Amino acid sequence: MMKDNFDINLAKMFKSRENKEMIGNIIGKVVSTSPDLKISVLDGSIILDKEQLYCCNHVLKDYTRQYEKTGTIQLYDTNCGNTNIVNDGGYEANDHQHIITDINIDTSYTAQGEITFKDTLKINDEVLLLHTTDEQIWFIVDKITKL
């Protein structure tokens, strides 16, 4: 009789140690925007508020990034046309124009600047969410679109 209780108790101990079933990645829906951001999950059965949410910077309004772009500009054309007729007003100057036969541009460039994202999360946008193991903190990874 003692053996049966031991087996049952051992089985219960193993059962109690099973990992909780995780929700996993989840799609949420924006129901309120910043500054009081709220995301609905599981068909509205849970509403996450800003105290539970972390957001990737690129989905924030007016998020600014620095950029640098390098590249090459290549342009070649023939029989490009004529310049406007001009008279430079010099001694015995006549109206004249110039014929542009060929243009050949081949140069590299570097541009630097700042880009500001103006769009942000809007009501009814769908977002991809990840969460901590205790499901108390949620991370908005990005706005998503169903194809």
Protein backbone atom coordinates (compact mmCIF):
# COMPACT_ATOMS: atom_id res chain seq x y z
CA MET A 1 0.00 0.00 0.00
CA MET A 2 2.85 2.30 0.84
CA LYS A 3 4.32 1.73 -2.63
CA ASP A 4 1.15 2.93 -4.38
CA ASN A 5 1.22 6.24 -2.47
CA PHE A 6 4.89 6.68 -3.29
CA ASP A 7 4.23 6.20 -7.04
CA ILE A 8 1.26 8.59 -7.02
CA ASN A 9 3.14 11.22 -5.04
CA LEU A 10 6.16 10.92 -7.33
CA ALA A 11 3.93 11.33 -10.40
CA LYS A 12 2.29 14.42 -8.84
CA MET A 13 5.72 15.91 -8.14
CA PHE A 14 6.76 15.44 -11.78
CA LYS A 15 3.46 16.91 -12.97
CA SER A 16 3.88 19.99 -10.77
CA ARG A 17 7.30 20.64 -12.31
CA GLU A 18 6.03 20.73 -15.90
CA ASN A 19 6.69 23.99 -17.63
CA LYS A 20 3.79 26.35 -18.00
CA GLU A 21 2.45 26.45 -21.55
CA MET A 22 3.79 29.60 -23.22
CA ILE A 23 1.72 31.86 -25.45
CA GLY A 24 4.71 32.52 -27.77
CA ASN A 25 4.89 35.34 -30.31
CA ILE A 26 1.55 37.04 -30.64
CA ILE A 27 -0.22 39.61 -32.80
CA GLY A 28 -1.71 42.56 -30.97
CA LYS A 29 -3.99 45.37 -32.09
CA VAL A 30 -3.48 49.02 -31.16
CA VAL A 31 -6.58 50.26 -29.31
CA SER A 32 -5.10 53.51 -27.97
CA THR A 33 -2.09 55.49 -29.20
CA SER A 34 0.66 57.40 -27.42
CA PRO A 35 0.97 58.84 -24.89
CA ASP A 36 -1.52 56.31 -23.40
CA LEU A 37 -0.61 53.37 -25.64
CA LYS A 38 -2.75 50.24 -25.23
CA ILE A 39 -2.54 46.97 -27.16
CA SER A 40 -5.30 44.36 -27.28
CA VAL A 41 -4.28 40.68 -27.45
CA LEU A 42 -6.12 37.36 -27.59
CA ASP A 43 -9.21 38.86 -29.26
CA GLY A 44 -9.50 41.63 -26.68
CA SER A 45 -9.41 39.37 -23.64
CA ILE A 46 -6.24 41.15 -22.46
CA ILE A 47 -5.39 44.85 -22.78
CA LEU A 48 -1.72 45.75 -22.30
CA ASP A 49 -0.95 49.29 -21.18
CA LYS A 50 2.23 51.35 -21.39
CA GLU A 51 3.45 50.12 -17.98
CA GLN A 52 3.68 46.62 -19.48
CA LEU A 53 5.05 47.62 -22.89
CA TYR A 54 8.44 48.31 -24.38
CA CYS A 55 8.55 49.61 -27.93
CA CYS A 56 11.28 49.43 -30.59
CA ASN A 57 12.35 52.98 -31.37
CA HIS A 58 11.60 52.91 -35.09
CA VAL A 59 7.83 52.75 -34.52
CA LEU A 60 7.84 55.86 -32.32
CA LYS A 61 6.62 59.15 -33.78
CA ASP A 62 9.40 61.57 -34.76
CA TYR A 63 12.10 58.93 -34.26
CA THR A 64 15.31 60.36 -35.73
CA ARG A 65 18.29 58.49 -37.16
CA GLN A 66 21.57 59.61 -38.64
CA TYR A 67 22.52 58.26 -42.06
CA GLU A 68 25.46 58.17 -44.41
CA LYS A 69 25.14 57.16 -48.04
CA THR A 70 27.91 56.58 -50.53
CA GLY A 71 27.51 55.78 -54.16
CA THR A 72 28.30 56.53 -57.75
CA ILE A 73 26.57 58.80 -60.23
CA GLN A 74 26.97 57.77 -63.85
CA LEU A 75 25.30 59.59 -66.72
CA TYR A 76 26.15 59.52 -70.38
CA ASP A 77 24.11 61.12 -73.15
CA THR A 78 24.66 62.28 -76.73
CA ASN A 79 23.04 64.97 -78.86
CA CYS A 80 21.87 66.77 -75.73
CA GLY A 81 20.68 69.94 -77.45
CA ASN A 82 21.53 73.62 -77.26
CA THR A 83 21.91 76.20 -74.53
CA ASN A 84 19.56 79.17 -74.36
CA ILE A 85 20.34 82.04 -76.68
CA VAL A 86 22.34 84.66 -74.77
CA ASN A 87 24.07 87.95 -75.41
CA ASP A 88 26.76 88.70 -72.88
CA GLY A 89 26.76 92.36 -73.88
CA GLY A 90 30.44 92.53 -74.69
CA TYR A 91 31.98 94.61 -77.48
CA GLU A 92 30.28 93.69 -80.75
CA ALA A 93 28.51 90.86 -78.96
CA ASN A 94 25.98 88.87 -80.85
CA ASP A 95 23.22 86.58 -79.70
CA HIS A 96 24.61 83.08 -79.57
CA GLN A 97 24.10 79.62 -78.17
CA HIS A 98 26.20 76.53 -77.65
CA ILE A 99 25.60 73.02 -78.89
CA ILE A 100 25.98 70.30 -76.27
CA THR A 101 27.05 67.15 -78.06
CA ASP A 102 27.94 64.79 -75.22
CA ILE A 103 27.56 64.59 -71.44
CA ASN A 104 29.68 62.10 -69.54
CA ILE A 105 29.44 62.13 -65.73
CA ASP A 106 31.10 59.43 -63.66
CA THR A 107 31.70 60.41 -60.06
CA SER A 108 31.33 59.07 -56.53
CA TYR A 109 29.62 60.85 -53.68
CA THR A 110 29.05 60.70 -49.94
CA ALA A 111 25.96 62.21 -48.33
CA GLN A 112 25.25 62.50 -44.63
CA GLY A 113 22.17 63.65 -42.84
CA GLU A 114 19.29 62.91 -40.56
CA ILE A 115 16.03 61.13 -41.29
CA THR A 116 12.94 61.55 -39.10
CA PHE A 117 10.13 59.02 -39.17
CA LYS A 118 6.79 60.83 -39.03
CA ASP A 119 4.47 57.84 -39.07
CA THR A 120 3.71 55.99 -35.89
CA LEU A 121 1.33 53.38 -34.54
CA LYS A 122 -2.32 54.15 -35.24
CA ILE A 123 -5.53 52.68 -33.83
CA ASN A 124 -6.26 49.27 -35.42
CA ASP A 125 -2.63 48.74 -36.50
CA GLU A 126 -1.40 45.22 -35.88
CA VAL A 127 1.90 44.70 -34.08
CA LEU A 128 4.16 41.73 -33.41
CA LEU A 129 4.64 41.18 -29.68
CA LEU A 130 7.15 39.15 -27.69
CA HIS A 131 6.97 38.75 -23.93
CA THR A 132 8.99 37.78 -20.88
CA THR A 133 8.53 34.28 -19.49
CA ASP A 134 6.14 35.54 -16.82
CA GLU A 135 4.14 37.44 -19.49
CA GLN A 136 4.24 40.64 -17.47
CA ILE A 137 6.46 42.67 -19.84
CA TRP A 138 5.72 42.82 -23.57
CA PHE A 139 7.90 44.08 -26.41
CA ILE A 140 6.42 45.70 -29.52
CA VAL A 141 8.79 44.47 -32.23
CA ASP A 142 7.21 46.13 -35.22
CA LYS A 143 4.02 47.10 -36.99
CA ILE A 144 2.96 44.22 -39.25
CA THR A 145 0.68 43.71 -42.23
CA LYS A 146 -1.18 40.55 -43.25
CA LEU A 147 -0.51 39.66 -46.88
